[in-house]
Every structure is written in C-alpha cells, then in structure tokens.
Amino acid sequence: MNRSASILAAKPVMLMLLLLAPVARAGDVVHEVNPASGLSTWRVEGQAFSIELIQLLPDFVRAVFAAKGLPQDVIDAVSGYCAFGTIVRNQSDAPVSYNVADWRYVTADGVAHTGKTKSEWVSEWRDKGIAFRWTLLPESQTFQVGDWGQGFTTVRLPRGTRFDLHYSWSQQGETRTHTIKDMYCAPEDIEK
C-alpha cells in the first residue's frame, strides 16, 4: 500500500477515535494533580466566567506574607486558613461581575461556610495599624471583555477538608451559579 492510500485508510479510524474521545463541555470541571508537588488545581472554562483554584500550602502562604514584612500574628492567621490561588476571567463578549461574599464552601455535613473576603482581612489589618491590601482576590469586580484577575481566596476549614464550592457570577442582569464538587484543602505540607 502506498503512503497516500495508508493515510486515507487511517482517516476513518482517526475520525472514529475523535468521536469517541471525551469532549469537555462548557462548565465542565478539570481537576489536575501536579505530579511534582501533589497539589491539586480545579479549573472551569467554556463559560462566560472562567475560574481556576490552585491549592496553596501553608508554608507558601507564610512565605508570601513574610516577604511583605507583615507581623507574625498576621502571617499565622492567614496561613491558618484553607487557601487557594484563584484566577478568574471574563471569556465572553459582555461584562461579567462576581462577588466572593456570595460563594459558599459546603462540607460533607451539609454546612455552608463563607470565605473570608479581602475587605474583612483588610479591615482586621487596618485595626492593627497595617496598611496592606495585596495578594488577596478582590471581593467583587466587574470584568470587561477579556479582563482577568487573581489573588488568594481563603476559607476557615481544617487541612484536608473536602467540600463543594458553590460560586456565582452575573452577566447582563442574570445571576448564574456553578458548583465544583469534591475540592479539598491542601495538607500542612507535602508528604515525601
């Protein structure tokens, strides 16, 4: 069989494989585990509001806040929370708004927990005489087409706790919700 004939013969097989391959649909959750660190990332794309949450080890959180010169009590307080590096994007053709205060972390016992928002952290620090606002995901924003943002999100849950994240965003006067199931807080450190 010549080369052209073998390529033509392979096309139906390739087409069949493409049709049978799982296809990510809008709003599907992709969960990945970094083989080097063992830390998880959850990503939801294909909808107007894209979100990615990356587990953060407490030592990483401590290092970030220590590098900014914050007092030890602030470093201990923030690193005591379940923390995620969070990236949000507007992937649509119209403005998108979100408000972290509306998001809920629902544990296996059915209890809905709220995250500690940037404004709550900033207020607590201001009361201590600390003028610091960086690293945390802004509590609420409106993104124009193509805009994105990032920062830490925090929730007061013990290490390893599993939960479903119920989050929402608004677009053109309509609120939309989505759930990322079976997320979990990072451990205290990476097991060797």
N, C-alpha and C. Protein backbone atom coordinates (compact mmCIF):
# COMPACT_ATOMS: atom_id res chain seq x y z
N MET A 1 0.87 -1.17 0.00
CA MET A 1 0.00 0.00 0.00
C MET A 1 0.91 1.23 0.00
N ASN A 2 0.61 2.17 -0.92
CA ASN A 2 1.44 3.37 -0.96
C ASN A 2 1.06 4.30 0.19
N ARG A 3 1.87 5.33 0.41
CA ARG A 3 1.68 6.23 1.54
C ARG A 3 0.33 6.94 1.50
N SER A 4 -0.10 7.44 0.36
CA SER A 4 -1.38 8.14 0.23
C SER A 4 -2.53 7.22 0.59
N ALA A 5 -2.45 5.99 0.15
CA ALA A 5 -3.53 5.03 0.44
C ALA A 5 -3.57 4.72 1.93
N SER A 6 -2.42 4.60 2.59
CA SER A 6 -2.42 4.29 4.02
C SER A 6 -2.97 5.46 4.84
N ILE A 7 -2.69 6.71 4.40
CA ILE A 7 -3.23 7.88 5.10
C ILE A 7 -4.75 7.91 4.97
N LEU A 8 -5.25 7.65 3.75
CA LEU A 8 -6.70 7.64 3.53
C LEU A 8 -7.36 6.53 4.33
N ALA A 9 -6.72 5.38 4.43
CA ALA A 9 -7.27 4.27 5.19
C ALA A 9 -7.32 4.60 6.68
N ALA A 10 -6.39 5.40 7.16
CA ALA A 10 -6.33 5.74 8.59
C ALA A 10 -7.35 6.81 8.97
N LYS A 11 -7.81 7.60 8.01
CA LYS A 11 -8.73 8.70 8.34
C LYS A 11 -10.00 8.23 9.02
N PRO A 12 -10.68 7.16 8.56
CA PRO A 12 -11.88 6.73 9.28
C PRO A 12 -11.58 6.31 10.73
N VAL A 13 -10.43 5.69 10.94
CA VAL A 13 -10.06 5.28 12.29
C VAL A 13 -9.83 6.52 13.16
N MET A 14 -9.12 7.52 12.64
CA MET A 14 -8.88 8.75 13.40
C MET A 14 -10.20 9.46 13.69
N LEU A 15 -11.09 9.51 12.71
CA LEU A 15 -12.39 10.14 12.90
C LEU A 15 -13.17 9.43 13.99
N MET A 16 -13.15 8.10 13.98
CA MET A 16 -13.86 7.32 15.00
C MET A 16 -13.29 7.60 16.38
N LEU A 17 -11.96 7.68 16.50
CA LEU A 17 -11.34 7.98 17.79
C LEU A 17 -11.72 9.37 18.28
N LEU A 18 -11.75 10.34 17.38
CA LEU A 18 -12.15 11.69 17.77
C LEU A 18 -13.59 11.73 18.25
N LEU A 19 -14.47 10.97 17.61
CA LEU A 19 -15.87 10.95 18.00
C LEU A 19 -16.07 10.27 19.35
N LEU A 20 -15.25 9.28 19.65
CA LEU A 20 -15.38 8.55 20.90
C LEU A 20 -14.65 9.21 22.06
N ALA A 21 -13.70 10.10 21.77
CA ALA A 21 -12.93 10.76 22.82
C ALA A 21 -13.83 11.65 23.66
N PRO A 22 -13.60 11.70 24.97
CA PRO A 22 -14.40 12.60 25.80
C PRO A 22 -14.15 14.05 25.42
N VAL A 23 -15.20 14.81 25.34
CA VAL A 23 -15.10 16.21 24.97
C VAL A 23 -15.51 17.05 26.18
N ALA A 24 -14.68 18.01 26.54
CA ALA A 24 -15.02 18.90 27.64
C ALA A 24 -16.10 19.86 27.17
N ARG A 25 -17.18 19.92 27.91
CA ARG A 25 -18.28 20.83 27.58
C ARG A 25 -18.14 22.09 28.42
N ALA A 26 -18.88 23.10 28.01
CA ALA A 26 -18.87 24.35 28.76
C ALA A 26 -19.23 24.09 30.21
N GLY A 27 -18.42 24.58 31.11
CA GLY A 27 -18.70 24.44 32.53
C GLY A 27 -18.19 23.16 33.16
N ASP A 28 -17.57 22.27 32.35
CA ASP A 28 -17.01 21.06 32.94
C ASP A 28 -15.83 21.42 33.83
N VAL A 29 -15.65 20.67 34.90
CA VAL A 29 -14.55 20.89 35.83
C VAL A 29 -13.39 19.99 35.44
N VAL A 30 -12.22 20.59 35.33
CA VAL A 30 -10.99 19.83 35.08
C VAL A 30 -10.21 19.84 36.39
N HIS A 31 -9.93 18.65 36.92
CA HIS A 31 -9.14 18.52 38.14
C HIS A 31 -7.81 17.91 37.76
N GLU A 32 -6.73 18.61 38.11
CA GLU A 32 -5.39 18.12 37.81
C GLU A 32 -4.57 18.08 39.09
N VAL A 33 -3.68 17.10 39.18
CA VAL A 33 -2.77 16.98 40.31
C VAL A 33 -1.36 17.15 39.77
N ASN A 34 -0.63 18.10 40.34
CA ASN A 34 0.75 18.33 39.93
C ASN A 34 1.58 17.14 40.40
N PRO A 35 2.19 16.39 39.48
CA PRO A 35 2.94 15.20 39.89
C PRO A 35 4.15 15.50 40.77
N ALA A 36 4.73 16.68 40.63
CA ALA A 36 5.90 17.03 41.44
C ALA A 36 5.52 17.41 42.87
N SER A 37 4.40 18.14 43.03
CA SER A 37 4.04 18.63 44.36
C SER A 37 2.90 17.85 45.01
N GLY A 38 2.08 17.20 44.20
CA GLY A 38 0.90 16.51 44.73
C GLY A 38 -0.26 17.45 44.98
N LEU A 39 -0.10 18.74 44.67
CA LEU A 39 -1.16 19.71 44.90
C LEU A 39 -2.15 19.71 43.74
N SER A 40 -3.40 20.00 44.06
CA SER A 40 -4.47 19.96 43.08
C SER A 40 -4.82 21.35 42.55
N THR A 41 -5.33 21.33 41.33
CA THR A 41 -5.89 22.51 40.68
C THR A 41 -7.24 22.12 40.11
N TRP A 42 -8.24 22.99 40.29
CA TRP A 42 -9.55 22.81 39.68
C TRP A 42 -9.77 23.98 38.74
N ARG A 43 -10.22 23.68 37.52
CA ARG A 43 -10.41 24.72 36.52
C ARG A 43 -11.75 24.51 35.81
N VAL A 44 -12.49 25.59 35.64
CA VAL A 44 -13.75 25.56 34.90
C VAL A 44 -13.65 26.60 33.80
N GLU A 45 -13.74 26.15 32.56
CA GLU A 45 -13.68 27.05 31.42
C GLU A 45 -14.87 26.79 30.53
N GLY A 46 -14.95 27.53 29.45
CA GLY A 46 -16.01 27.31 28.49
C GLY A 46 -17.32 27.94 28.88
N GLN A 47 -17.30 28.79 29.87
CA GLN A 47 -18.47 29.56 30.25
C GLN A 47 -18.02 31.02 30.34
N ALA A 48 -18.95 31.93 30.47
CA ALA A 48 -18.60 33.36 30.50
C ALA A 48 -17.58 33.67 31.58
N PHE A 49 -17.71 33.05 32.75
CA PHE A 49 -16.84 33.30 33.89
C PHE A 49 -15.96 32.07 34.09
N SER A 50 -14.69 32.21 33.81
CA SER A 50 -13.73 31.12 33.97
C SER A 50 -13.09 31.25 35.35
N ILE A 51 -12.91 30.13 36.02
CA ILE A 51 -12.28 30.15 37.35
C ILE A 51 -11.29 29.01 37.46
N GLU A 52 -10.17 29.29 38.12
CA GLU A 52 -9.17 28.27 38.41
C GLU A 52 -8.74 28.44 39.86
N LEU A 53 -8.72 27.33 40.61
CA LEU A 53 -8.33 27.37 42.02
C LEU A 53 -7.19 26.39 42.24
N ILE A 54 -6.10 26.88 42.81
CA ILE A 54 -4.88 26.11 43.00
C ILE A 54 -4.60 26.01 44.49
N GLN A 55 -4.47 24.78 45.00
CA GLN A 55 -4.18 24.60 46.42
C GLN A 55 -2.88 25.29 46.79
N LEU A 56 -2.87 25.94 47.95
CA LEU A 56 -1.67 26.58 48.46
C LEU A 56 -1.29 25.96 49.80
N LEU A 57 -0.04 25.56 49.91
CA LEU A 57 0.44 25.04 51.19
C LEU A 57 0.58 26.19 52.19
N PRO A 58 0.35 25.91 53.47
CA PRO A 58 0.51 26.96 54.49
C PRO A 58 1.91 27.59 54.47
N ASP A 59 2.96 26.79 54.22
CA ASP A 59 4.31 27.36 54.17
C ASP A 59 4.46 28.37 53.04
N PHE A 60 3.80 28.12 51.92
CA PHE A 60 3.84 29.07 50.81
C PHE A 60 3.16 30.38 51.21
N VAL A 61 1.99 30.26 51.84
CA VAL A 61 1.26 31.45 52.30
C VAL A 61 2.10 32.21 53.31
N ARG A 62 2.73 31.48 54.24
CA ARG A 62 3.61 32.13 55.23
C ARG A 62 4.73 32.90 54.53
N ALA A 63 5.36 32.27 53.55
CA ALA A 63 6.48 32.89 52.85
C ALA A 63 6.04 34.16 52.12
N VAL A 64 4.89 34.12 51.47
CA VAL A 64 4.40 35.29 50.74
C VAL A 64 4.17 36.47 51.69
N PHE A 65 3.51 36.23 52.80
CA PHE A 65 3.20 37.31 53.73
C PHE A 65 4.43 37.75 54.52
N ALA A 66 5.34 36.83 54.80
CA ALA A 66 6.59 37.21 55.48
C ALA A 66 7.44 38.08 54.57
N ALA A 67 7.45 37.76 53.27
CA ALA A 67 8.24 38.55 52.32
C ALA A 67 7.72 39.98 52.20
N LYS A 68 6.47 40.20 52.56
CA LYS A 68 5.89 41.55 52.54
C LYS A 68 6.13 42.29 53.85
N GLY A 69 6.82 41.63 54.80
CA GLY A 69 7.16 42.28 56.05
C GLY A 69 6.03 42.36 57.06
N LEU A 70 5.03 41.50 56.92
CA LEU A 70 3.89 41.55 57.85
C LEU A 70 4.24 40.89 59.17
N PRO A 71 3.60 41.30 60.25
CA PRO A 71 3.89 40.74 61.57
C PRO A 71 3.51 39.25 61.64
N GLN A 72 4.16 38.56 62.55
CA GLN A 72 3.97 37.11 62.68
C GLN A 72 2.52 36.73 62.97
N ASP A 73 1.80 37.53 63.76
CA ASP A 73 0.41 37.17 64.07
C ASP A 73 -0.47 37.22 62.81
N VAL A 74 -0.18 38.13 61.90
CA VAL A 74 -0.92 38.19 60.64
C VAL A 74 -0.56 36.99 59.77
N ILE A 75 0.72 36.69 59.68
CA ILE A 75 1.19 35.53 58.91
C ILE A 75 0.54 34.25 59.43
N ASP A 76 0.51 34.08 60.76
CA ASP A 76 -0.10 32.88 61.36
C ASP A 76 -1.60 32.82 61.08
N ALA A 77 -2.26 33.97 61.15
CA ALA A 77 -3.71 33.99 60.93
C ALA A 77 -4.05 33.57 59.50
N VAL A 78 -3.39 34.17 58.51
CA VAL A 78 -3.70 33.85 57.11
C VAL A 78 -3.33 32.42 56.77
N SER A 79 -2.17 31.96 57.23
CA SER A 79 -1.73 30.60 56.90
C SER A 79 -2.55 29.54 57.63
N GLY A 80 -3.35 29.94 58.61
CA GLY A 80 -4.23 29.01 59.30
C GLY A 80 -5.50 28.70 58.53
N TYR A 81 -5.71 29.40 57.42
CA TYR A 81 -6.90 29.19 56.59
C TYR A 81 -6.58 28.24 55.43
N CYS A 82 -7.60 27.61 54.94
CA CYS A 82 -7.52 26.85 53.69
C CYS A 82 -7.43 27.90 52.59
N ALA A 83 -6.33 27.91 51.84
CA ALA A 83 -6.10 28.97 50.86
C ALA A 83 -5.91 28.41 49.45
N PHE A 84 -6.39 29.18 48.49
CA PHE A 84 -6.26 28.82 47.08
C PHE A 84 -5.78 30.03 46.31
N GLY A 85 -4.85 29.80 45.39
CA GLY A 85 -4.54 30.81 44.40
C GLY A 85 -5.69 30.77 43.41
N THR A 86 -6.33 31.89 43.17
CA THR A 86 -7.54 31.92 42.37
C THR A 86 -7.35 32.85 41.18
N ILE A 87 -7.70 32.35 40.00
CA ILE A 87 -7.62 33.13 38.77
C ILE A 87 -9.02 33.15 38.16
N VAL A 88 -9.54 34.34 37.88
CA VAL A 88 -10.87 34.47 37.28
C VAL A 88 -10.74 35.29 36.00
N ARG A 89 -11.58 34.94 35.01
CA ARG A 89 -11.51 35.60 33.69
C ARG A 89 -12.90 35.79 33.12
N ASN A 90 -13.03 36.85 32.34
CA ASN A 90 -14.23 37.04 31.53
C ASN A 90 -13.91 36.49 30.15
N GLN A 91 -14.55 35.40 29.78
CA GLN A 91 -14.32 34.77 28.49
C GLN A 91 -15.50 34.97 27.55
N SER A 92 -16.26 36.01 27.77
CA SER A 92 -17.47 36.23 26.97
C SER A 92 -17.36 37.53 26.18
N ASP A 93 -18.46 37.92 25.58
CA ASP A 93 -18.48 39.15 24.78
C ASP A 93 -19.27 40.27 25.46
N ALA A 94 -19.44 40.16 26.79
CA ALA A 94 -20.15 41.18 27.57
C ALA A 94 -19.53 41.22 28.98
N PRO A 95 -19.69 42.32 29.72
CA PRO A 95 -19.14 42.41 31.07
C PRO A 95 -19.67 41.29 31.98
N VAL A 96 -18.84 40.87 32.93
CA VAL A 96 -19.16 39.84 33.91
C VAL A 96 -18.78 40.37 35.29
N SER A 97 -19.65 40.13 36.29
CA SER A 97 -19.38 40.56 37.67
C SER A 97 -19.40 39.35 38.60
N TYR A 98 -18.61 39.42 39.66
CA TYR A 98 -18.65 38.39 40.69
C TYR A 98 -18.54 39.04 42.06
N ASN A 99 -18.93 38.30 43.10
CA ASN A 99 -18.79 38.75 44.47
C ASN A 99 -18.45 37.54 45.33
N VAL A 100 -17.21 37.48 45.81
CA VAL A 100 -16.74 36.35 46.62
C VAL A 100 -17.60 36.14 47.86
N ALA A 101 -18.20 37.20 48.39
CA ALA A 101 -19.05 37.08 49.59
C ALA A 101 -20.28 36.19 49.33
N ASP A 102 -20.65 36.01 48.07
CA ASP A 102 -21.79 35.16 47.73
C ASP A 102 -21.42 33.69 47.56
N TRP A 103 -20.14 33.38 47.50
CA TRP A 103 -19.69 32.00 47.29
C TRP A 103 -19.80 31.22 48.59
N ARG A 104 -20.08 29.91 48.48
CA ARG A 104 -20.21 29.05 49.66
C ARG A 104 -19.39 27.78 49.48
N TYR A 105 -18.77 27.35 50.59
CA TYR A 105 -17.99 26.12 50.64
C TYR A 105 -18.81 25.15 51.48
N VAL A 106 -19.43 24.16 50.84
CA VAL A 106 -20.35 23.27 51.53
C VAL A 106 -19.64 21.95 51.85
N THR A 107 -19.49 21.68 53.15
CA THR A 107 -18.80 20.47 53.60
C THR A 107 -19.75 19.28 53.58
N ALA A 108 -19.20 18.08 53.76
CA ALA A 108 -19.96 16.82 53.65
C ALA A 108 -21.16 16.78 54.61
N ASP A 109 -21.09 17.52 55.71
CA ASP A 109 -22.21 17.53 56.66
C ASP A 109 -23.33 18.49 56.23
N GLY A 110 -23.18 19.10 55.04
CA GLY A 110 -24.21 19.99 54.51
C GLY A 110 -24.11 21.43 55.00
N VAL A 111 -23.09 21.73 55.81
CA VAL A 111 -22.93 23.09 56.33
C VAL A 111 -22.26 23.97 55.27
N ALA A 112 -22.83 25.13 55.03
CA ALA A 112 -22.26 26.10 54.09
C ALA A 112 -21.37 27.08 54.85
N HIS A 113 -20.13 27.18 54.43
CA HIS A 113 -19.16 28.08 55.05
C HIS A 113 -18.88 29.23 54.08
N THR A 114 -18.66 30.41 54.63
CA THR A 114 -18.28 31.54 53.79
C THR A 114 -16.77 31.70 53.85
N GLY A 115 -16.21 32.23 52.79
CA GLY A 115 -14.79 32.55 52.80
C GLY A 115 -14.58 33.87 53.51
N LYS A 116 -13.36 34.10 53.90
CA LYS A 116 -13.02 35.40 54.49
C LYS A 116 -12.62 36.30 53.33
N THR A 117 -13.33 37.39 53.14
CA THR A 117 -13.13 38.25 51.99
C THR A 117 -11.94 39.19 52.19
N LYS A 118 -11.51 39.77 51.09
CA LYS A 118 -10.42 40.73 51.13
C LYS A 118 -10.76 41.91 52.05
N SER A 119 -11.98 42.41 51.96
CA SER A 119 -12.34 43.57 52.80
C SER A 119 -12.33 43.19 54.28
N GLU A 120 -12.68 41.95 54.62
CA GLU A 120 -12.62 41.51 56.02
C GLU A 120 -11.18 41.43 56.51
N TRP A 121 -10.28 40.87 55.67
CA TRP A 121 -8.87 40.82 56.04
C TRP A 121 -8.31 42.24 56.19
N VAL A 122 -8.57 43.09 55.22
CA VAL A 122 -8.02 44.45 55.23
C VAL A 122 -8.51 45.23 56.45
N SER A 123 -9.78 45.07 56.80
CA SER A 123 -10.32 45.74 57.98
C SER A 123 -9.62 45.27 59.25
N GLU A 124 -9.40 43.96 59.35
CA GLU A 124 -8.71 43.39 60.51
C GLU A 124 -7.28 43.94 60.61
N TRP A 125 -6.60 44.01 59.47
CA TRP A 125 -5.23 44.52 59.46
C TRP A 125 -5.19 46.01 59.76
N ARG A 126 -6.15 46.75 59.23
CA ARG A 126 -6.20 48.19 59.48
C ARG A 126 -6.32 48.45 60.98
N ASP A 127 -7.13 47.64 61.67
CA ASP A 127 -7.30 47.78 63.12
C ASP A 127 -5.99 47.56 63.87
N LYS A 128 -5.04 46.88 63.24
CA LYS A 128 -3.73 46.64 63.84
C LYS A 128 -2.69 47.65 63.35
N GLY A 129 -3.16 48.61 62.56
CA GLY A 129 -2.25 49.62 62.04
C GLY A 129 -1.47 49.19 60.81
N ILE A 130 -1.94 48.16 60.14
CA ILE A 130 -1.25 47.63 58.96
C ILE A 130 -2.00 48.07 57.71
N ALA A 131 -1.29 48.73 56.82
CA ALA A 131 -1.89 49.17 55.55
C ALA A 131 -1.41 48.22 54.45
N PHE A 132 -2.10 47.12 54.30
CA PHE A 132 -1.71 46.12 53.31
C PHE A 132 -2.96 45.60 52.62
N ARG A 133 -2.92 45.51 51.28
CA ARG A 133 -4.10 45.09 50.52
C ARG A 133 -3.76 44.07 49.44
N TRP A 134 -2.51 43.73 49.25
CA TRP A 134 -2.11 42.90 48.13
C TRP A 134 -2.37 41.43 48.38
N THR A 135 -2.22 40.64 47.38
CA THR A 135 -2.26 39.16 47.32
C THR A 135 -3.66 38.54 47.36
N LEU A 136 -4.65 39.21 47.91
CA LEU A 136 -5.97 38.62 48.03
C LEU A 136 -6.85 38.96 46.83
N LEU A 137 -7.67 38.00 46.41
CA LEU A 137 -8.58 38.25 45.30
C LEU A 137 -9.56 39.35 45.69
N PRO A 138 -9.70 40.37 44.87
CA PRO A 138 -10.68 41.41 45.20
C PRO A 138 -12.06 40.80 45.44
N GLU A 139 -12.73 41.33 46.44
CA GLU A 139 -14.01 40.76 46.86
C GLU A 139 -15.05 40.75 45.75
N SER A 140 -15.14 41.84 45.04
CA SER A 140 -16.10 41.89 43.93
C SER A 140 -15.52 42.77 42.83
N GLN A 141 -15.81 42.37 41.61
CA GLN A 141 -15.32 43.12 40.46
C GLN A 141 -16.27 42.94 39.30
N THR A 142 -16.19 43.87 38.36
CA THR A 142 -16.83 43.72 37.07
C THR A 142 -15.72 43.70 36.04
N PHE A 143 -15.67 42.64 35.27
CA PHE A 143 -14.66 42.49 34.22
C PHE A 143 -15.25 42.83 32.87
N GLN A 144 -14.56 43.66 32.15
CA GLN A 144 -14.92 43.90 30.76
C GLN A 144 -14.44 42.70 29.94
N VAL A 145 -14.80 42.66 28.70
CA VAL A 145 -14.44 41.55 27.82
C VAL A 145 -12.92 41.35 27.84
N GLY A 146 -12.49 40.13 28.13
CA GLY A 146 -11.07 39.78 28.15
C GLY A 146 -10.35 40.08 29.44
N ASP A 147 -10.98 40.79 30.39
CA ASP A 147 -10.33 41.11 31.67
C ASP A 147 -10.15 39.85 32.51
N TRP A 148 -9.20 39.91 33.42
CA TRP A 148 -8.97 38.82 34.34
C TRP A 148 -8.33 39.36 35.62
N GLY A 149 -8.34 38.55 36.65
CA GLY A 149 -7.73 38.93 37.92
C GLY A 149 -7.30 37.69 38.67
N GLN A 150 -6.49 37.90 39.70
CA GLN A 150 -6.03 36.78 40.51
C GLN A 150 -5.75 37.22 41.93
N GLY A 151 -5.69 36.27 42.82
CA GLY A 151 -5.38 36.53 44.22
C GLY A 151 -5.75 35.32 45.06
N PHE A 152 -5.43 35.38 46.33
CA PHE A 152 -5.77 34.28 47.23
C PHE A 152 -7.24 34.36 47.64
N THR A 153 -7.88 33.20 47.75
CA THR A 153 -9.17 33.10 48.43
C THR A 153 -8.94 32.22 49.65
N THR A 154 -9.66 32.52 50.73
CA THR A 154 -9.44 31.81 51.99
C THR A 154 -10.77 31.41 52.62
N VAL A 155 -10.76 30.24 53.23
CA VAL A 155 -11.93 29.77 53.98
C VAL A 155 -11.42 29.06 55.23
N ARG A 156 -12.12 29.24 56.33
CA ARG A 156 -11.69 28.67 57.62
C ARG A 156 -12.14 27.22 57.70
N LEU A 157 -11.31 26.31 57.15
CA LEU A 157 -11.57 24.88 57.22
C LEU A 157 -10.27 24.16 57.56
N PRO A 158 -10.35 23.03 58.24
CA PRO A 158 -9.14 22.28 58.58
C PRO A 158 -8.46 21.69 57.34
N ARG A 159 -7.18 21.44 57.45
CA ARG A 159 -6.39 20.83 56.38
C ARG A 159 -7.07 19.55 55.90
N GLY A 160 -7.11 19.36 54.60
CA GLY A 160 -7.65 18.14 54.01
C GLY A 160 -9.17 18.09 53.93
N THR A 161 -9.88 19.08 54.47
CA THR A 161 -11.34 19.07 54.45
C THR A 161 -11.84 19.08 53.01
N ARG A 162 -12.83 18.23 52.73
CA ARG A 162 -13.45 18.16 51.41
C ARG A 162 -14.73 19.00 51.42
N PHE A 163 -14.99 19.62 50.28
CA PHE A 163 -16.17 20.47 50.18
C PHE A 163 -16.55 20.65 48.72
N ASP A 164 -17.74 21.15 48.50
CA ASP A 164 -18.19 21.58 47.17
C ASP A 164 -18.22 23.10 47.18
N LEU A 165 -17.61 23.71 46.17
CA LEU A 165 -17.63 25.16 46.05
C LEU A 165 -18.80 25.58 45.18
N HIS A 166 -19.70 26.36 45.76
CA HIS A 166 -20.84 26.92 45.03
C HIS A 166 -20.50 28.39 44.78
N TYR A 167 -20.29 28.75 43.53
CA TYR A 167 -19.93 30.12 43.21
C TYR A 167 -20.90 30.68 42.18
N SER A 168 -20.89 32.01 42.07
CA SER A 168 -21.83 32.65 41.15
C SER A 168 -21.16 33.85 40.49
N TRP A 169 -21.77 34.29 39.41
CA TRP A 169 -21.37 35.50 38.71
C TRP A 169 -22.60 36.05 38.02
N SER A 170 -22.53 37.31 37.62
CA SER A 170 -23.67 37.95 36.96
C SER A 170 -23.25 38.49 35.62
N GLN A 171 -24.19 38.43 34.70
CA GLN A 171 -23.95 38.98 33.37
C GLN A 171 -25.28 39.43 32.79
N GLN A 172 -25.32 40.67 32.33
CA GLN A 172 -26.50 41.25 31.70
C GLN A 172 -27.75 41.08 32.57
N GLY A 173 -27.58 41.33 33.90
CA GLY A 173 -28.69 41.29 34.83
C GLY A 173 -29.11 39.90 35.29
N GLU A 174 -28.44 38.87 34.82
CA GLU A 174 -28.79 37.50 35.21
C GLU A 174 -27.66 36.89 36.03
N THR A 175 -28.02 36.29 37.18
CA THR A 175 -27.04 35.61 38.02
C THR A 175 -26.97 34.15 37.63
N ARG A 176 -25.76 33.68 37.46
CA ARG A 176 -25.54 32.27 37.11
C ARG A 176 -24.74 31.63 38.23
N THR A 177 -24.98 30.35 38.45
CA THR A 177 -24.27 29.63 39.51
C THR A 177 -23.65 28.37 38.93
N HIS A 178 -22.63 27.90 39.62
CA HIS A 178 -21.96 26.67 39.22
C HIS A 178 -21.37 26.05 40.49
N THR A 179 -21.12 24.75 40.44
CA THR A 179 -20.55 24.03 41.58
C THR A 179 -19.33 23.24 41.13
N ILE A 180 -18.28 23.34 41.91
CA ILE A 180 -17.11 22.47 41.74
C ILE A 180 -17.18 21.48 42.89
N LYS A 181 -17.39 20.22 42.57
CA LYS A 181 -17.56 19.19 43.60
C LYS A 181 -16.22 18.60 44.03
N ASP A 182 -16.22 18.16 45.28
CA ASP A 182 -15.12 17.40 45.86
C ASP A 182 -13.77 18.09 45.80
N MET A 183 -13.75 19.36 46.12
CA MET A 183 -12.49 20.06 46.30
C MET A 183 -11.98 19.73 47.71
N TYR A 184 -10.72 20.04 47.97
CA TYR A 184 -10.22 19.82 49.32
C TYR A 184 -9.06 20.75 49.61
N CYS A 185 -8.93 21.08 50.89
CA CYS A 185 -7.88 21.96 51.36
C CYS A 185 -6.53 21.25 51.27
N ALA A 186 -5.49 22.01 51.02
CA ALA A 186 -4.14 21.46 50.96
C ALA A 186 -3.74 20.92 52.33
N PRO A 187 -2.85 19.93 52.34
CA PRO A 187 -2.33 19.45 53.62
C PRO A 187 -1.40 20.48 54.25
N GLU A 188 -0.92 20.19 55.44
CA GLU A 188 0.02 21.10 56.11
C GLU A 188 1.31 21.19 55.31
N ASP A 189 1.78 20.07 54.78
CA ASP A 189 2.98 20.09 53.94
C ASP A 189 2.92 18.92 52.96
N ILE A 190 3.84 18.90 52.05
CA ILE A 190 3.90 17.83 51.04
C ILE A 190 4.52 16.62 51.67
N GLU A 191 3.86 15.48 51.51
CA GLU A 191 4.40 14.23 52.05
C GLU A 191 5.51 13.76 51.13
N LYS A 192 6.60 13.40 51.71
CA LYS A 192 7.77 12.98 50.94
C LYS A 192 7.78 11.48 50.78
